[in-house]
Amino acid sequence: MANRRDLKKDINYVLGDIIEAVYIWELTNPDKDTKKSEKIIDDAIETFDVLIAKMNDKTAEDKKKHFNSIRAELEEKGRKLIDQINAL
């Protein structure tokens, strides 16, 4: 099931890149408070856990619809996290 594997990779890459962007921001702005940036990292990790748990849910009736909803949620939450990074 390549679609499932690709979706897991997408979740990992997107949220990993967001966390990396926060770390880069923290390194380039050492004089600024990191409480907001740490919150973004915590939110990204929480989002990862939630999405992977949904991926592993075996009770979904329509697999394609289930995976499409996970992909849409990843896109929505990823954009929100990126907007938070840009607001720092």
PDB file of N, CA and C in Angstrom:
ATOM      1  N   MET A   1       0.844  -1.175   0.000  1.00  0.00           N
ATOM      2  CA  MET A   1       0.000   0.000   0.000  1.00  0.00           C
ATOM      3  C   MET A   1       0.894   1.245   0.000  1.00  0.00           C
ATOM      4  N   ALA A   2       1.297   1.668  -1.185  1.00  0.00           N
ATOM      5  CA  ALA A   2       2.233   2.783  -1.330  1.00  0.00           C
ATOM      6  C   ALA A   2       1.643   4.097  -0.829  1.00  0.00           C
ATOM      7  N   ASN A   3       0.354   4.292  -0.989  1.00  0.00           N
ATOM      8  CA  ASN A   3      -0.270   5.537  -0.573  1.00  0.00           C
ATOM      9  C   ASN A   3      -0.121   5.749   0.931  1.00  0.00           C
ATOM     10  N   ARG A   4      -0.283   4.719   1.683  1.00  0.00           N
ATOM     11  CA  ARG A   4      -0.149   4.788   3.139  1.00  0.00           C
ATOM     12  C   ARG A   4       1.289   5.147   3.518  1.00  0.00           C
ATOM     13  N   ARG A   5       2.235   4.503   2.880  1.00  0.00           N
ATOM     14  CA  ARG A   5       3.651   4.759   3.146  1.00  0.00           C
ATOM     15  C   ARG A   5       4.015   6.195   2.772  1.00  0.00           C
ATOM     16  N   ASP A   6       3.541   6.657   1.628  1.00  0.00           N
ATOM     17  CA  ASP A   6       3.829   8.022   1.184  1.00  0.00           C
ATOM     18  C   ASP A   6       3.216   9.052   2.122  1.00  0.00           C
ATOM     19  N   LEU A   7       2.030   8.785   2.617  1.00  0.00           N
ATOM     20  CA  LEU A   7       1.384   9.717   3.541  1.00  0.00           C
ATOM     21  C   LEU A   7       2.156   9.802   4.856  1.00  0.00           C
ATOM     22  N   LYS A   8       2.634   8.666   5.349  1.00  0.00           N
ATOM     23  CA  LYS A   8       3.441   8.681   6.570  1.00  0.00           C
ATOM     24  C   LYS A   8       4.728   9.474   6.353  1.00  0.00           C
ATOM     25  N   LYS A   9       5.345   9.313   5.187  1.00  0.00           N
ATOM     26  CA  LYS A   9       6.549  10.080   4.869  1.00  0.00           C
ATOM     27  C   LYS A   9       6.235  11.566   4.793  1.00  0.00           C
ATOM     28  N   ASP A  10       5.107  11.915   4.181  1.00  0.00           N
ATOM     29  CA  ASP A  10       4.716  13.324   4.089  1.00  0.00           C
ATOM     30  C   ASP A  10       4.527  13.936   5.472  1.00  0.00           C
ATOM     31  N   ILE A  11       3.864  13.208   6.352  1.00  0.00           N
ATOM     32  CA  ILE A  11       3.659  13.693   7.721  1.00  0.00           C
ATOM     33  C   ILE A  11       5.015  13.936   8.382  1.00  0.00           C
ATOM     34  N   ASN A  12       5.899  12.981   8.260  1.00  0.00           N
ATOM     35  CA  ASN A  12       7.214  13.085   8.878  1.00  0.00           C
ATOM     36  C   ASN A  12       8.016  14.255   8.305  1.00  0.00           C
ATOM     37  N   TYR A  13       8.034  14.384   6.978  1.00  0.00           N
ATOM     38  CA  TYR A  13       8.833  15.435   6.340  1.00  0.00           C
ATOM     39  C   TYR A  13       8.278  16.824   6.634  1.00  0.00           C
ATOM     40  N   VAL A  14       6.976  16.996   6.515  1.00  0.00           N
ATOM     41  CA  VAL A  14       6.372  18.319   6.701  1.00  0.00           C
ATOM     42  C   VAL A  14       6.592  18.804   8.130  1.00  0.00           C
ATOM     43  N   LEU A  15       6.263  17.973   9.096  1.00  0.00           N
ATOM     44  CA  LEU A  15       6.396  18.395  10.483  1.00  0.00           C
ATOM     45  C   LEU A  15       7.865  18.477  10.903  1.00  0.00           C
ATOM     46  N   GLY A  16       8.700  17.623  10.351  1.00  0.00           N
ATOM     47  CA  GLY A  16      10.137  17.707  10.610  1.00  0.00           C
ATOM     48  C   GLY A  16      10.731  18.998  10.078  1.00  0.00           C
ATOM     49  N   ASP A  17      10.311  19.402   8.878  1.00  0.00           N
ATOM     50  CA  ASP A  17      10.789  20.660   8.304  1.00  0.00           C
ATOM     51  C   ASP A  17      10.319  21.861   9.120  1.00  0.00           C
ATOM     52  N   ILE A  18       9.115  21.791   9.646  1.00  0.00           N
ATOM     53  CA  ILE A  18       8.598  22.885  10.479  1.00  0.00           C
ATOM     54  C   ILE A  18       9.430  23.003  11.757  1.00  0.00           C
ATOM     55  N   ILE A  19       9.730  21.888  12.381  1.00  0.00           N
ATOM     56  CA  ILE A  19      10.551  21.911  13.598  1.00  0.00           C
ATOM     57  C   ILE A  19      11.947  22.436  13.278  1.00  0.00           C
ATOM     58  N   GLU A  20      12.498  22.013  12.157  1.00  0.00           N
ATOM     59  CA  GLU A  20      13.818  22.494  11.741  1.00  0.00           C
ATOM     60  C   GLU A  20      13.805  23.999  11.500  1.00  0.00           C
ATOM     61  N   ALA A  21      12.739  24.512  10.904  1.00  0.00           N
ATOM     62  CA  ALA A  21      12.623  25.950  10.665  1.00  0.00           C
ATOM     63  C   ALA A  21      12.591  26.722  11.986  1.00  0.00           C
ATOM     64  N   VAL A  22      11.938  26.169  12.982  1.00  0.00           N
ATOM     65  CA  VAL A  22      11.897  26.816  14.299  1.00  0.00           C
ATOM     66  C   VAL A  22      13.292  26.836  14.918  1.00  0.00           C
ATOM     67  N   TYR A  23      14.006  25.726  14.816  1.00  0.00           N
ATOM     68  CA  TYR A  23      15.370  25.685  15.358  1.00  0.00           C
ATOM     69  C   TYR A  23      16.274  26.700  14.660  1.00  0.00           C
ATOM     70  N   ILE A  24      16.126  26.828  13.359  1.00  0.00           N
ATOM     71  CA  ILE A  24      16.913  27.816  12.613  1.00  0.00           C
ATOM     72  C   ILE A  24      16.564  29.224  13.081  1.00  0.00           C
ATOM     73  N   TRP A  25      15.274  29.489  13.291  1.00  0.00           N
ATOM     74  CA  TRP A  25      14.863  30.800  13.787  1.00  0.00           C
ATOM     75  C   TRP A  25      15.486  31.069  15.150  1.00  0.00           C
ATOM     76  N   GLU A  26      15.476  30.061  16.015  1.00  0.00           N
ATOM     77  CA  GLU A  26      16.050  30.237  17.346  1.00  0.00           C
ATOM     78  C   GLU A  26      17.549  30.517  17.276  1.00  0.00           C
ATOM     79  N   LEU A  27      18.248  29.849  16.360  1.00  0.00           N
ATOM     80  CA  LEU A  27      19.687  30.070  16.232  1.00  0.00           C
ATOM     81  C   LEU A  27      20.007  31.445  15.655  1.00  0.00           C
ATOM     82  N   THR A  28      19.181  31.931  14.771  1.00  0.00           N
ATOM     83  CA  THR A  28      19.441  33.230  14.154  1.00  0.00           C
ATOM     84  C   THR A  28      18.928  34.390  14.994  1.00  0.00           C
ATOM     85  N   ASN A  29      18.128  34.103  16.010  1.00  0.00           N
ATOM     86  CA  ASN A  29      17.593  35.134  16.902  1.00  0.00           C
ATOM     87  C   ASN A  29      17.851  34.753  18.361  1.00  0.00           C
ATOM     88  N   PRO A  30      19.124  34.692  18.764  1.00  0.00           N
ATOM     89  CA  PRO A  30      19.420  34.225  20.131  1.00  0.00           C
ATOM     90  C   PRO A  30      18.965  35.188  21.223  1.00  0.00           C
ATOM     91  N   ASP A  31      18.734  36.445  20.867  1.00  0.00           N
ATOM     92  CA  ASP A  31      18.350  37.428  21.872  1.00  0.00           C
ATOM     93  C   ASP A  31      16.850  37.465  22.132  1.00  0.00           C
ATOM     94  N   LYS A  32      16.068  36.773  21.341  1.00  0.00           N
ATOM     95  CA  LYS A  32      14.611  36.790  21.501  1.00  0.00           C
ATOM     96  C   LYS A  32      14.143  35.641  22.395  1.00  0.00           C
ATOM     97  N   ASP A  33      12.979  35.828  22.995  1.00  0.00           N
ATOM     98  CA  ASP A  33      12.381  34.823  23.881  1.00  0.00           C
ATOM     99  C   ASP A  33      11.935  33.613  23.056  1.00  0.00           C
ATOM    100  N   THR A  34      12.189  32.427  23.563  1.00  0.00           N
ATOM    101  CA  THR A  34      11.893  31.208  22.805  1.00  0.00           C
ATOM    102  C   THR A  34      10.631  30.492  23.281  1.00  0.00           C
ATOM    103  N   LYS A  35       9.839  31.117  24.114  1.00  0.00           N
ATOM    104  CA  LYS A  35       8.635  30.446  24.605  1.00  0.00           C
ATOM    105  C   LYS A  35       7.641  30.169  23.482  1.00  0.00           C
ATOM    106  N   LYS A  36       7.469  31.129  22.584  1.00  0.00           N
ATOM    107  CA  LYS A  36       6.536  30.927  21.461  1.00  0.00           C
ATOM    108  C   LYS A  36       7.070  29.877  20.493  1.00  0.00           C
ATOM    109  N   SER A  37       8.368  29.899  20.251  1.00  0.00           N
ATOM    110  CA  SER A  37       8.938  28.921  19.320  1.00  0.00           C
ATOM    111  C   SER A  37       8.886  27.512  19.908  1.00  0.00           C
ATOM    112  N   GLU A  38       9.092  27.387  21.205  1.00  0.00           N
ATOM    113  CA  GLU A  38       8.982  26.077  21.854  1.00  0.00           C
ATOM    114  C   GLU A  38       7.543  25.562  21.785  1.00  0.00           C
ATOM    115  N   LYS A  39       6.580  26.467  21.879  1.00  0.00           N
ATOM    116  CA  LYS A  39       5.162  26.093  21.756  1.00  0.00           C
ATOM    117  C   LYS A  39       4.876  25.555  20.353  1.00  0.00           C
ATOM    118  N   ILE A  40       5.478  26.172  19.339  1.00  0.00           N
ATOM    119  CA  ILE A  40       5.285  25.694  17.959  1.00  0.00           C
ATOM    120  C   ILE A  40       5.846  24.282  17.812  1.00  0.00           C
ATOM    121  N   ILE A  41       7.008  24.032  18.398  1.00  0.00           N
ATOM    122  CA  ILE A  41       7.606  22.691  18.333  1.00  0.00           C
ATOM    123  C   ILE A  41       6.702  21.683  19.044  1.00  0.00           C
ATOM    124  N   ASP A  42       6.194  22.050  20.206  1.00  0.00           N
ATOM    125  CA  ASP A  42       5.289  21.157  20.936  1.00  0.00           C
ATOM    126  C   ASP A  42       4.027  20.864  20.127  1.00  0.00           C
ATOM    127  N   ASP A  43       3.490  21.897  19.463  1.00  0.00           N
ATOM    128  CA  ASP A  43       2.302  21.707  18.624  1.00  0.00           C
ATOM    129  C   ASP A  43       2.601  20.789  17.441  1.00  0.00           C
ATOM    130  N   ALA A  44       3.781  20.924  16.849  1.00  0.00           N
ATOM    131  CA  ALA A  44       4.156  20.077  15.721  1.00  0.00           C
ATOM    132  C   ALA A  44       4.278  18.619  16.163  1.00  0.00           C
ATOM    133  N   ILE A  45       4.867  18.394  17.320  1.00  0.00           N
ATOM    134  CA  ILE A  45       5.010  17.026  17.831  1.00  0.00           C
ATOM    135  C   ILE A  45       3.641  16.443  18.164  1.00  0.00           C
ATOM    136  N   GLU A  46       2.781  17.248  18.756  1.00  0.00           N
ATOM    137  CA  GLU A  46       1.434  16.784  19.076  1.00  0.00           C
ATOM    138  C   GLU A  46       0.659  16.455  17.796  1.00  0.00           C
ATOM    139  N   THR A  47       0.790  17.300  16.785  1.00  0.00           N
ATOM    140  CA  THR A  47       0.134  17.056  15.495  1.00  0.00           C
ATOM    141  C   THR A  47       0.643  15.755  14.884  1.00  0.00           C
ATOM    142  N   PHE A  48       1.951  15.526  14.951  1.00  0.00           N
ATOM    143  CA  PHE A  48       2.535  14.287  14.447  1.00  0.00           C
ATOM    144  C   PHE A  48       1.907  13.085  15.138  1.00  0.00           C
ATOM    145  N   ASP A  49       1.848  13.130  16.455  1.00  0.00           N
ATOM    146  CA  ASP A  49       1.287  12.005  17.215  1.00  0.00           C
ATOM    147  C   ASP A  49      -0.169  11.737  16.842  1.00  0.00           C
ATOM    148  N   VAL A  50      -0.944  12.808  16.703  1.00  0.00           N
ATOM    149  CA  VAL A  50      -2.365  12.664  16.371  1.00  0.00           C
ATOM    150  C   VAL A  50      -2.530  12.067  14.975  1.00  0.00           C
ATOM    151  N   LEU A  51      -1.770  12.583  14.006  1.00  0.00           N
ATOM    152  CA  LEU A  51      -1.922  12.107  12.628  1.00  0.00           C
ATOM    153  C   LEU A  51      -1.447  10.665  12.468  1.00  0.00           C
ATOM    154  N   ILE A  52      -0.371  10.295  13.131  1.00  0.00           N
ATOM    155  CA  ILE A  52       0.102   8.908  13.057  1.00  0.00           C
ATOM    156  C   ILE A  52      -0.904   7.978  13.725  1.00  0.00           C
ATOM    157  N   ALA A  53      -1.506   8.413  14.805  1.00  0.00           N
ATOM    158  CA  ALA A  53      -2.540   7.593  15.462  1.00  0.00           C
ATOM    159  C   ALA A  53      -3.724   7.393  14.518  1.00  0.00           C
ATOM    160  N   LYS A  54      -4.099   8.431  13.791  1.00  0.00           N
ATOM    161  CA  LYS A  54      -5.188   8.296  12.815  1.00  0.00           C
ATOM    162  C   LYS A  54      -4.783   7.382  11.668  1.00  0.00           C
ATOM    163  N   MET A  55      -3.508   7.438  11.282  1.00  0.00           N
ATOM    164  CA  MET A  55      -3.031   6.550  10.210  1.00  0.00           C
ATOM    165  C   MET A  55      -3.153   5.089  10.637  1.00  0.00           C
ATOM    166  N   ASN A  56      -2.892   4.815  11.893  1.00  0.00           N
ATOM    167  CA  ASN A  56      -2.896   3.439  12.394  1.00  0.00           C
ATOM    168  C   ASN A  56      -4.275   2.952  12.806  1.00  0.00           C
ATOM    169  N   ASP A  57      -5.289   3.793  12.642  1.00  0.00           N
ATOM    170  CA  ASP A  57      -6.657   3.413  12.981  1.00  0.00           C
ATOM    171  C   ASP A  57      -7.171   2.428  11.931  1.00  0.00           C
ATOM    172  N   LYS A  58      -7.459   1.222  12.345  1.00  0.00           N
ATOM    173  CA  LYS A  58      -7.898   0.163  11.424  1.00  0.00           C
ATOM    174  C   LYS A  58      -9.413   0.101  11.258  1.00  0.00           C
ATOM    175  N   THR A  59     -10.149   0.943  11.982  1.00  0.00           N
ATOM    176  CA  THR A  59     -11.600   0.853  11.952  1.00  0.00           C
ATOM    177  C   THR A  59     -12.250   1.696  10.866  1.00  0.00           C
ATOM    178  N   ALA A  60     -11.470   2.396  10.064  1.00  0.00           N
ATOM    179  CA  ALA A  60     -12.034   3.264   9.027  1.00  0.00           C
ATOM    180  C   ALA A  60     -12.737   2.417   7.961  1.00  0.00           C
ATOM    181  N   GLU A  61     -13.932   2.824   7.591  1.00  0.00           N
ATOM    182  CA  GLU A  61     -14.704   2.096   6.578  1.00  0.00           C
ATOM    183  C   GLU A  61     -14.120   2.321   5.179  1.00  0.00           C
ATOM    184  N   ASP A  62     -14.027   3.577   4.781  1.00  0.00           N
ATOM    185  CA  ASP A  62     -13.525   3.937   3.457  1.00  0.00           C
ATOM    186  C   ASP A  62     -12.092   4.434   3.614  1.00  0.00           C
ATOM    187  N   LYS A  63     -11.127   3.580   3.264  1.00  0.00           N
ATOM    188  CA  LYS A  63      -9.712   3.901   3.474  1.00  0.00           C
ATOM    189  C   LYS A  63      -9.288   5.138   2.684  1.00  0.00           C
ATOM    190  N   LYS A  64      -9.723   5.245   1.450  1.00  0.00           N
ATOM    191  CA  LYS A  64      -9.311   6.371   0.609  1.00  0.00           C
ATOM    192  C   LYS A  64      -9.794   7.701   1.200  1.00  0.00           C
ATOM    193  N   LYS A  65     -11.041   7.726   1.623  1.00  0.00           N
ATOM    194  CA  LYS A  65     -11.603   8.937   2.223  1.00  0.00           C
ATOM    195  C   LYS A  65     -10.889   9.253   3.536  1.00  0.00           C
ATOM    196  N   HIS A  66     -10.591   8.220   4.299  1.00  0.00           N
ATOM    197  CA  HIS A  66      -9.897   8.383   5.580  1.00  0.00           C
ATOM    198  C   HIS A  66      -8.511   9.001   5.365  1.00  0.00           C
ATOM    199  N   PHE A  67      -7.752   8.474   4.412  1.00  0.00           N
ATOM    200  CA  PHE A  67      -6.413   8.996   4.144  1.00  0.00           C
ATOM    201  C   PHE A  67      -6.462  10.392   3.542  1.00  0.00           C
ATOM    202  N   ASN A  68      -7.459  10.673   2.728  1.00  0.00           N
ATOM    203  CA  ASN A  68      -7.597  12.026   2.174  1.00  0.00           C
ATOM    204  C   ASN A  68      -7.901  13.037   3.276  1.00  0.00           C
ATOM    205  N   SER A  69      -8.682  12.637   4.260  1.00  0.00           N
ATOM    206  CA  SER A  69      -8.978  13.551   5.368  1.00  0.00           C
ATOM    207  C   SER A  69      -7.723  13.791   6.212  1.00  0.00           C
ATOM    208  N   ILE A  70      -6.892  12.771   6.376  1.00  0.00           N
ATOM    209  CA  ILE A  70      -5.632  12.937   7.108  1.00  0.00           C
ATOM    210  C   ILE A  70      -4.704  13.876   6.346  1.00  0.00           C
ATOM    211  N   ARG A  71      -4.629  13.700   5.031  1.00  0.00           N
ATOM    212  CA  ARG A  71      -3.785  14.574   4.202  1.00  0.00           C
ATOM    213  C   ARG A  71      -4.270  16.024   4.289  1.00  0.00           C
ATOM    214  N   ALA A  72      -5.582  16.235   4.266  1.00  0.00           N
ATOM    215  CA  ALA A  72      -6.139  17.590   4.369  1.00  0.00           C
ATOM    216  C   ALA A  72      -5.839  18.191   5.739  1.00  0.00           C
ATOM    217  N   GLU A  73      -5.935  17.379   6.777  1.00  0.00           N
ATOM    218  CA  GLU A  73      -5.640  17.864   8.128  1.00  0.00           C
ATOM    219  C   GLU A  73      -4.161  18.225   8.261  1.00  0.00           C
ATOM    220  N   LEU A  74      -3.285  17.425   7.656  1.00  0.00           N
ATOM    221  CA  LEU A  74      -1.856  17.729   7.664  1.00  0.00           C
ATOM    222  C   LEU A  74      -1.596  19.070   6.984  1.00  0.00           C
ATOM    223  N   GLU A  75      -2.227  19.292   5.857  1.00  0.00           N
ATOM    224  CA  GLU A  75      -2.037  20.544   5.132  1.00  0.00           C
ATOM    225  C   GLU A  75      -2.542  21.733   5.955  1.00  0.00           C
ATOM    226  N   GLU A  76      -3.711  21.584   6.559  1.00  0.00           N
ATOM    227  CA  GLU A  76      -4.301  22.669   7.351  1.00  0.00           C
ATOM    228  C   GLU A  76      -3.433  23.012   8.566  1.00  0.00           C
ATOM    229  N   LYS A  77      -3.059  21.995   9.326  1.00  0.00           N
ATOM    230  CA  LYS A  77      -2.275  22.236  10.537  1.00  0.00           C
ATOM    231  C   LYS A  77      -0.857  22.680  10.198  1.00  0.00           C
ATOM    232  N   GLY A  78      -0.313  22.160   9.107  1.00  0.00           N
ATOM    233  CA  GLY A  78       1.014  22.581   8.671  1.00  0.00           C
ATOM    234  C   GLY A  78       1.037  24.055   8.307  1.00  0.00           C
ATOM    235  N   ARG A  79       0.008  24.521   7.612  1.00  0.00           N
ATOM    236  CA  ARG A  79      -0.071  25.942   7.259  1.00  0.00           C
ATOM    237  C   ARG A  79      -0.204  26.824   8.490  1.00  0.00           C
ATOM    238  N   LYS A  80      -0.979  26.363   9.465  1.00  0.00           N
ATOM    239  CA  LYS A  80      -1.131  27.142  10.697  1.00  0.00           C
ATOM    240  C   LYS A  80       0.216  27.269  11.426  1.00  0.00           C
ATOM    241  N   LEU A  81       0.957  26.164  11.483  1.00  0.00           N
ATOM    242  CA  LEU A  81       2.263  26.188  12.152  1.00  0.00           C
ATOM    243  C   LEU A  81       3.239  27.093  11.401  1.00  0.00           C
ATOM    244  N   ILE A  82       3.200  27.053  10.082  1.00  0.00           N
ATOM    245  CA  ILE A  82       4.078  27.910   9.285  1.00  0.00           C
ATOM    246  C   ILE A  82       3.724  29.372   9.486  1.00  0.00           C
ATOM    247  N   ASP A  83       2.437  29.658   9.562  1.00  0.00           N
ATOM    248  CA  ASP A  83       2.013  31.038   9.837  1.00  0.00           C
ATOM    249  C   ASP A  83       2.508  31.506  11.202  1.00  0.00           C
ATOM    250  N   GLN A  84       2.501  30.605  12.182  1.00  0.00           N
ATOM    251  CA  GLN A  84       3.008  30.958  13.510  1.00  0.00           C
ATOM    252  C   GLN A  84       4.514  31.232  13.463  1.00  0.00           C
ATOM    253  N   ILE A  85       5.234  30.457  12.671  1.00  0.00           N
ATOM    254  CA  ILE A  85       6.680  30.692  12.524  1.00  0.00           C
ATOM    255  C   ILE A  85       6.915  32.049  11.883  1.00  0.00           C
ATOM    256  N   ASN A  86       6.152  32.366  10.858  1.00  0.00           N
ATOM    257  CA  ASN A  86       6.321  33.648  10.176  1.00  0.00           C
ATOM    258  C   ASN A  86       5.979  34.818  11.077  1.00  0.00           C
ATOM    259  N   ALA A  87       5.100  34.594  12.062  1.00  0.00           N
ATOM    260  CA  ALA A  87       4.714  35.667  12.971  1.00  0.00           C
ATOM    261  C   ALA A  87       5.756  35.921  14.056  1.00  0.00           C
ATOM    262  N   LEU A  88       6.703  34.985  14.210  1.00  0.00           N
ATOM    263  CA  LEU A  88       7.738  35.201  15.219  1.00  0.00           C
ATOM    264  C   LEU A  88       8.547  36.381  14.803  1.00  0.00           C
TER     265      LEU A  88
END
